């Protein structure tokens, strides 16, 4: 959490990080920006700002829904850089 606290001066992000940091340390549910609480395993943490979001808020924050990801436009599917990465085969 300290890494993210040092990276931003945005008061909304700072407020979320401080509140969620206390909740994570308690091992309780985390409160999303929408004021709903969820178990940590049901939350999505932003790689860049460090704030945890519920699914609905995560889709807004990240700018893409799961449906958008599952059904990309044709120009994305034809571009190997933009297309979904394929999972690595399991080596046994």
C-alpha atoms as a PDB file:
ATOM      1  CA  UNK A   1       0.000   0.000   0.000  1.00  0.00           C
ATOM      2  CA  UNK A   2       2.845   2.398   0.783  1.00  0.00           C
ATOM      3  CA  UNK A   3       4.020   2.204  -2.830  1.00  0.00           C
ATOM      4  CA  UNK A   4       0.671   3.521  -4.051  1.00  0.00           C
ATOM      5  CA  UNK A   5       0.366   6.149  -1.312  1.00  0.00           C
ATOM      6  CA  UNK A   6       3.695   7.641  -2.410  1.00  0.00           C
ATOM      7  CA  UNK A   7       2.670   7.716  -6.083  1.00  0.00           C
ATOM      8  CA  UNK A   8      -0.438   9.888  -5.915  1.00  0.00           C
ATOM      9  CA  UNK A   9      -1.652  13.200  -4.622  1.00  0.00           C
ATOM     10  CA  UNK A  10      -5.225  12.589  -5.797  1.00  0.00           C
ATOM     11  CA  UNK A  11      -7.373  13.021  -2.652  1.00  0.00           C
ATOM     12  CA  UNK A  12     -10.006  10.489  -3.783  1.00  0.00           C
ATOM     13  CA  UNK A  13      -7.391   7.796  -4.414  1.00  0.00           C
ATOM     14  CA  UNK A  14      -5.602   8.592  -1.135  1.00  0.00           C
ATOM     15  CA  UNK A  15      -8.882   8.290   0.768  1.00  0.00           C
ATOM     16  CA  UNK A  16      -9.651   4.924  -0.853  1.00  0.00           C
ATOM     17  CA  UNK A  17      -6.126   3.585  -0.297  1.00  0.00           C
ATOM     18  CA  UNK A  18      -6.068   4.537   3.385  1.00  0.00           C
ATOM     19  CA  UNK A  19      -9.521   3.109   4.097  1.00  0.00           C
ATOM     20  CA  UNK A  20      -8.922  -0.073   2.141  1.00  0.00           C
ATOM     21  CA  UNK A  21      -5.468  -0.522   3.683  1.00  0.00           C
ATOM     22  CA  UNK A  22      -7.004  -0.581   7.154  1.00  0.00           C
ATOM     23  CA  UNK A  23      -9.679  -3.033   6.002  1.00  0.00           C
ATOM     24  CA  UNK A  24      -7.110  -5.363   4.392  1.00  0.00           C
ATOM     25  CA  UNK A  25      -5.038  -5.351   7.597  1.00  0.00           C
ATOM     26  CA  UNK A  26      -8.117  -6.361   9.598  1.00  0.00           C
ATOM     27  CA  UNK A  27      -8.813  -9.218   7.178  1.00  0.00           C
ATOM     28  CA  UNK A  28     -12.361  -8.009   6.733  1.00  0.00           C
ATOM     29  CA  UNK A  29     -14.349  -7.220   3.665  1.00  0.00           C
ATOM     30  CA  UNK A  30     -13.195  -4.272   1.592  1.00  0.00           C
ATOM     31  CA  UNK A  31     -15.407  -1.298   0.858  1.00  0.00           C
ATOM     32  CA  UNK A  32     -15.524  -0.270  -2.779  1.00  0.00           C
ATOM     33  CA  UNK A  33     -15.848   3.324  -3.912  1.00  0.00           C
ATOM     34  CA  UNK A  34     -19.578   2.602  -4.485  1.00  0.00           C
ATOM     35  CA  UNK A  35     -19.826   1.988  -0.696  1.00  0.00           C
ATOM     36  CA  UNK A  36     -20.647  -1.730  -1.074  1.00  0.00           C
ATOM     37  CA  UNK A  37     -18.449  -4.229   0.768  1.00  0.00           C
ATOM     38  CA  UNK A  38     -17.059  -7.461  -0.655  1.00  0.00           C
ATOM     39  CA  UNK A  39     -14.597 -10.179   0.376  1.00  0.00           C
ATOM     40  CA  UNK A  40     -11.116  -9.303  -0.881  1.00  0.00           C
ATOM     41  CA  UNK A  41     -11.089 -12.300  -3.249  1.00  0.00           C
ATOM     42  CA  UNK A  42     -14.067 -10.780  -5.101  1.00  0.00           C
ATOM     43  CA  UNK A  43     -12.351  -7.426  -5.637  1.00  0.00           C
ATOM     44  CA  UNK A  44     -10.160  -6.212  -8.515  1.00  0.00           C
ATOM     45  CA  UNK A  45      -7.070  -4.181  -7.672  1.00  0.00           C
ATOM     46  CA  UNK A  46      -5.807  -1.619 -10.143  1.00  0.00           C
ATOM     47  CA  UNK A  47      -2.177  -2.175 -11.091  1.00  0.00           C
ATOM     48  CA  UNK A  48      -1.606   1.564 -11.441  1.00  0.00           C
ATOM     49  CA  UNK A  49      -3.475   3.259  -8.580  1.00  0.00           C
ATOM     50  CA  UNK A  50      -3.752   0.318  -6.145  1.00  0.00           C
ATOM     51  CA  UNK A  51      -7.442   0.831  -5.350  1.00  0.00           C
ATOM     52  CA  UNK A  52      -9.698  -2.227  -5.027  1.00  0.00           C
ATOM     53  CA  UNK A  53     -12.959  -2.215  -7.025  1.00  0.00           C
ATOM     54  CA  UNK A  54     -16.030  -4.445  -7.215  1.00  0.00           C
ATOM     55  CA  UNK A  55     -16.770  -5.942 -10.649  1.00  0.00           C
ATOM     56  CA  UNK A  56     -19.173  -3.173 -11.678  1.00  0.00           C
ATOM     57  CA  UNK A  57     -16.830  -0.366 -10.631  1.00  0.00           C
ATOM     58  CA  UNK A  58     -13.765  -2.206 -12.022  1.00  0.00           C
ATOM     59  CA  UNK A  59     -15.341  -2.326 -15.467  1.00  0.00           C
ATOM     60  CA  UNK A  60     -15.889   1.426 -15.309  1.00  0.00           C
ATOM     61  CA  UNK A  61     -12.397   2.110 -13.922  1.00  0.00           C
ATOM     62  CA  UNK A  62     -10.608  -0.125 -16.429  1.00  0.00           C
ATOM     63  CA  UNK A  63     -12.766   1.076 -19.333  1.00  0.00           C
ATOM     64  CA  UNK A  64     -13.835  -2.336 -20.570  1.00  0.00           C
ATOM     65  CA  UNK A  65     -16.403  -4.905 -19.507  1.00  0.00           C
ATOM     66  CA  UNK A  66     -15.877  -8.660 -19.481  1.00  0.00           C
ATOM     67  CA  UNK A  67     -18.243  -8.883 -22.424  1.00  0.00           C
ATOM     68  CA  UNK A  68     -16.121  -6.354 -24.350  1.00  0.00           C
ATOM     69  CA  UNK A  69     -13.022  -8.426 -23.599  1.00  0.00           C
ATOM     70  CA  UNK A  70     -14.695 -11.680 -24.692  1.00  0.00           C
ATOM     71  CA  UNK A  71     -15.990 -10.118 -27.937  1.00  0.00           C
ATOM     72  CA  UNK A  72     -13.309  -7.743 -29.245  1.00  0.00           C
ATOM     73  CA  UNK A  73     -13.771  -5.893 -32.537  1.00  0.00           C
ATOM     74  CA  UNK A  74     -12.401  -7.642 -35.652  1.00  0.00           C
ATOM     75  CA  UNK A  75      -9.409  -5.287 -35.922  1.00  0.00           C
ATOM     76  CA  UNK A  76      -8.263  -6.358 -32.458  1.00  0.00           C
ATOM     77  CA  UNK A  77      -8.618 -10.087 -33.141  1.00  0.00           C
ATOM     78  CA  UNK A  78      -6.551  -9.786 -36.329  1.00  0.00           C
ATOM     79  CA  UNK A  79      -3.705  -7.950 -34.553  1.00  0.00           C
ATOM     80  CA  UNK A  80      -1.541 -10.366 -32.513  1.00  0.00           C
ATOM     81  CA  UNK A  81      -0.332  -7.560 -30.249  1.00  0.00           C
ATOM     82  CA  UNK A  82      -3.868  -6.541 -29.270  1.00  0.00           C
ATOM     83  CA  UNK A  83      -5.478 -10.002 -29.282  1.00  0.00           C
ATOM     84  CA  UNK A  84      -5.883 -12.011 -26.088  1.00  0.00           C
ATOM     85  CA  UNK A  85      -2.710 -13.781 -25.058  1.00  0.00           C
ATOM     86  CA  UNK A  86      -2.956 -17.540 -25.279  1.00  0.00           C
ATOM     87  CA  UNK A  87      -2.359 -19.493 -22.084  1.00  0.00           C
ATOM     88  CA  UNK A  88       0.889 -21.423 -21.922  1.00  0.00           C
ATOM     89  CA  UNK A  89       0.538 -25.182 -22.282  1.00  0.00           C
ATOM     90  CA  UNK A  90       0.985 -27.048 -19.033  1.00  0.00           C
ATOM     91  CA  UNK A  91       4.267 -28.954 -18.943  1.00  0.00           C
ATOM     92  CA  UNK A  92       4.170 -32.244 -17.064  1.00  0.00           C
END
